[in-house]
N, C-alpha and C. Protein backbone atom coordinates (compact mmCIF):
# COMPACT_ATOMS: atom_id res chain seq x y z
N MET A 1 151.11 27.46 72.31
CA MET A 1 150.33 28.54 72.67
C MET A 1 149.67 26.68 72.48
N ARG A 2 148.97 26.98 73.73
CA ARG A 2 147.40 25.57 74.66
C ARG A 2 146.05 26.62 74.17
N VAL A 3 145.54 25.89 73.48
CA VAL A 3 144.15 26.04 73.38
C VAL A 3 143.30 25.01 74.45
N VAL A 4 142.20 26.02 74.60
CA VAL A 4 141.85 24.30 76.07
C VAL A 4 139.66 24.80 75.13
N THR A 5 139.50 24.08 75.84
CA THR A 5 137.83 25.12 75.63
C THR A 5 137.68 25.51 77.09
N LEU A 6 136.15 26.03 77.24
CA LEU A 6 135.80 26.79 78.65
C LEU A 6 135.54 25.59 79.53
N GLU A 7 134.91 25.34 79.14
CA GLU A 7 135.19 24.22 80.47
C GLU A 7 136.76 23.21 80.66
N GLU A 8 137.47 23.38 80.33
CA GLU A 8 138.32 22.72 80.44
C GLU A 8 139.26 23.46 81.34
N ALA A 9 138.68 25.26 80.49
CA ALA A 9 139.40 26.05 81.04
C ALA A 9 138.93 26.81 83.18
N ARG A 10 137.93 26.27 82.89
CA ARG A 10 136.86 26.42 84.27
C ARG A 10 137.56 25.61 85.21
N GLU A 11 137.82 24.13 85.35
CA GLU A 11 138.84 23.65 85.78
C GLU A 11 140.49 23.72 86.28
N GLN A 12 140.71 24.22 85.20
CA GLN A 12 142.02 24.30 85.11
C GLN A 12 142.59 25.78 85.29
N LEU A 13 141.75 26.45 85.30
CA LEU A 13 142.14 28.06 85.75
C LEU A 13 143.64 28.16 86.74
N ASN A 14 143.73 27.99 87.72
CA ASN A 14 144.92 28.44 88.66
C ASN A 14 146.20 27.30 87.87
N ASP A 15 145.94 26.20 87.52
CA ASP A 15 147.22 25.61 86.06
C ASP A 15 147.82 27.32 85.12
N LEU A 16 146.04 27.38 84.61
CA LEU A 16 146.78 28.61 82.95
C LEU A 16 147.33 29.31 83.60
N LEU A 17 146.94 30.47 84.90
CA LEU A 17 146.36 31.14 84.88
C LEU A 17 148.59 31.51 85.30
N ALA A 18 149.39 30.44 86.13
CA ALA A 18 150.49 30.18 86.24
C ALA A 18 151.41 29.73 84.87
N SER A 19 150.14 29.02 83.84
CA SER A 19 150.98 28.64 82.67
C SER A 19 151.65 30.35 82.07
N VAL A 20 150.43 30.69 82.28
CA VAL A 20 150.35 32.48 81.29
C VAL A 20 151.71 33.60 81.79
N LEU A 21 151.52 33.40 83.28
CA LEU A 21 152.60 34.28 84.39
C LEU A 21 153.98 33.84 83.83
N GLN A 22 154.07 32.47 83.66
CA GLN A 22 155.31 32.53 82.55
C GLN A 22 155.99 32.06 81.23
N GLY A 23 154.63 33.29 80.63
CA GLY A 23 155.00 33.78 79.21
C GLY A 23 154.30 32.52 78.44
N GLU A 24 153.75 31.60 78.76
CA GLU A 24 153.12 30.76 78.23
C GLU A 24 151.71 31.38 77.49
N ASN A 25 151.36 31.09 75.80
CA ASN A 25 150.43 31.49 75.64
C ASN A 25 148.97 31.14 75.70
N VAL A 26 147.97 31.03 75.89
CA VAL A 26 146.92 30.40 76.59
C VAL A 26 145.27 30.91 75.47
N VAL A 27 144.62 29.94 74.83
CA VAL A 27 143.97 30.42 74.36
C VAL A 27 142.52 29.64 74.85
N ILE A 28 141.12 30.27 75.01
CA ILE A 28 140.21 29.95 75.93
C ILE A 28 139.24 29.39 74.04
N ARG A 29 138.84 28.57 73.49
CA ARG A 29 137.70 28.61 72.81
C ARG A 29 136.68 28.94 73.26
N THR A 30 135.39 29.28 73.14
CA THR A 30 133.46 29.42 73.16
C THR A 30 132.79 29.20 72.06
N LYS A 31 131.94 28.94 72.43
CA LYS A 31 130.90 29.17 71.25
C LYS A 31 130.59 30.54 69.75
N GLN A 32 131.39 32.01 71.19
CA GLN A 32 131.19 33.47 70.83
C GLN A 32 132.55 33.49 69.76
N GLY A 33 133.53 32.61 70.50
CA GLY A 33 134.61 32.54 69.78
C GLY A 33 135.95 32.45 70.67
N MET A 34 136.58 33.08 70.20
CA MET A 34 137.87 32.75 71.34
C MET A 34 139.07 33.55 72.12
N VAL A 35 139.32 33.63 73.02
CA VAL A 35 139.90 34.56 73.87
C VAL A 35 140.80 34.42 74.56
N GLN A 36 141.38 35.07 74.62
CA GLN A 36 143.61 35.03 74.75
C GLN A 36 143.77 35.98 76.50
N LEU A 37 144.22 34.69 77.03
CA LEU A 37 144.87 35.25 78.53
C LEU A 37 145.67 36.04 78.06
N THR A 38 146.13 37.28 78.74
CA THR A 38 147.95 37.60 79.03
C THR A 38 148.12 38.23 79.46
N ALA A 39 149.00 37.84 80.22
CA ALA A 39 150.15 38.06 81.84
C ALA A 39 150.13 39.99 81.20
N MET A 40 149.98 40.71 82.69
CA MET A 40 149.53 42.43 83.08
C MET A 40 151.08 42.78 83.72
N LEU A 41 152.43 43.51 83.60
CA LEU A 41 152.71 43.94 84.34
C LEU A 41 152.37 44.61 85.83
N ALA A 42 152.89 44.17 87.10
CA ALA A 42 152.28 44.44 87.68
C ALA A 42 152.76 46.47 87.86
N ALA A 43 151.89 46.93 88.42
CA ALA A 43 152.74 48.42 87.98
C ALA A 43 153.88 48.35 89.48
N ARG A 44 154.39 49.45 89.18
CA ARG A 44 155.35 49.76 90.47
C ARG A 44 154.72 50.90 91.73
N PRO A 45 155.41 50.57 92.41
CA PRO A 45 154.82 52.28 93.39
C PRO A 45 154.85 53.32 93.60
N ARG A 46 154.31 53.82 93.96
CA ARG A 46 153.98 55.47 93.39
C ARG A 46 155.41 56.12 94.54
N GLN A 47 156.04 56.78 94.11
CA GLN A 47 157.34 57.20 94.94
C GLN A 47 157.30 58.95 95.82
N PHE A 48 156.79 59.27 96.80
CA PHE A 48 156.31 60.74 96.85
C PHE A 48 157.52 61.26 97.21
N GLY A 49 157.16 62.62 96.16
CA GLY A 49 158.56 63.48 95.39
C GLY A 49 159.35 62.80 94.55
N SER A 50 158.73 62.34 93.47
CA SER A 50 159.72 62.16 92.67
C SER A 50 160.03 63.17 91.38
N ALA A 51 158.93 63.75 91.47
CA ALA A 51 158.98 64.89 90.16
C ALA A 51 159.55 66.44 91.00
N ARG A 52 160.15 65.99 92.02
CA ARG A 52 160.84 67.36 92.68
C ARG A 52 162.02 67.61 92.13
N GLY A 53 161.94 69.36 92.14
CA GLY A 53 163.00 69.95 91.03
C GLY A 53 162.48 69.86 89.74
N MET A 54 161.36 69.27 89.38
CA MET A 54 160.95 69.36 88.03
C MET A 54 159.77 70.56 87.62
N VAL A 55 159.67 71.19 88.74
CA VAL A 55 157.89 72.42 88.31
C VAL A 55 159.11 73.55 88.87
N THR A 56 159.09 74.91 88.66
CA THR A 56 159.28 75.96 88.55
C THR A 56 157.79 76.98 89.23
N LEU A 57 157.51 77.72 89.84
CA LEU A 57 156.12 78.54 89.57
C LEU A 57 157.21 80.25 89.41
N GLY A 58 156.88 80.69 88.29
CA GLY A 58 156.98 81.95 88.65
C GLY A 58 156.75 83.31 89.51
N GLU A 59 157.78 83.98 90.22
CA GLU A 59 157.69 85.17 90.88
C GLU A 59 156.31 85.07 91.03
N ASP A 60 155.78 85.80 89.57
CA ASP A 60 154.25 86.50 90.01
C ASP A 60 153.17 85.46 89.82
N PHE A 61 153.24 84.28 90.08
CA PHE A 61 152.32 83.68 89.81
C PHE A 61 151.14 83.59 90.64
N ASP A 62 150.77 84.59 91.48
CA ASP A 62 149.64 85.01 92.61
C ASP A 62 149.60 86.21 91.86
N ALA A 63 149.90 86.43 91.46
CA ALA A 63 149.80 87.89 90.72
C ALA A 63 148.65 88.12 89.51
N PRO A 64 147.47 89.68 90.62
CA PRO A 64 146.22 88.86 89.37
C PRO A 64 146.75 89.32 88.09
N LEU A 65 145.35 88.15 87.23
CA LEU A 65 145.92 88.24 85.50
C LEU A 65 144.76 89.39 85.34
N GLU A 66 145.68 90.42 84.41
CA GLU A 66 144.98 91.72 83.56
C GLU A 66 143.57 91.19 82.86
N ASP A 67 143.12 90.38 83.14
CA ASP A 67 142.11 90.49 82.14
C ASP A 67 140.69 89.41 83.21
N PHE A 68 141.10 89.36 84.69
CA PHE A 68 140.34 88.62 85.19
C PHE A 68 139.44 89.50 86.19
N PRO A 69 139.55 90.66 86.29
CA PRO A 69 138.82 92.18 87.05
C PRO A 69 137.66 92.32 86.58
N PRO A 70 136.93 91.42 85.16
CA PRO A 70 135.59 92.02 85.31
C PRO A 70 134.46 90.71 85.05
N TYR A 71 135.05 89.88 85.43
CA TYR A 71 134.96 88.31 86.29
C TYR A 71 134.70 88.42 88.06
N MET A 72 134.80 89.26 88.44
CA MET A 72 135.38 89.92 90.27
C MET A 72 134.27 89.80 90.77
N SER A 73 133.39 90.86 90.05
CA SER A 73 131.98 91.94 90.25
C SER A 73 130.95 90.71 90.53
């Protein structure tokens, strides 16, 4: 684990980010407390149609609801 001051972090931000992306733990020490830099995995791009076949609609999907007529006036 690498601990640096806020001033050091400002000067070495690119190096610290590269270290975090390689799996190293980096902690920044400030007057108010400590902060840990953590890498996050990039989100996968969404694929169109990936849920195809997972949802089915009944034959009466668009039929009028029995309880709905009082609200139609």
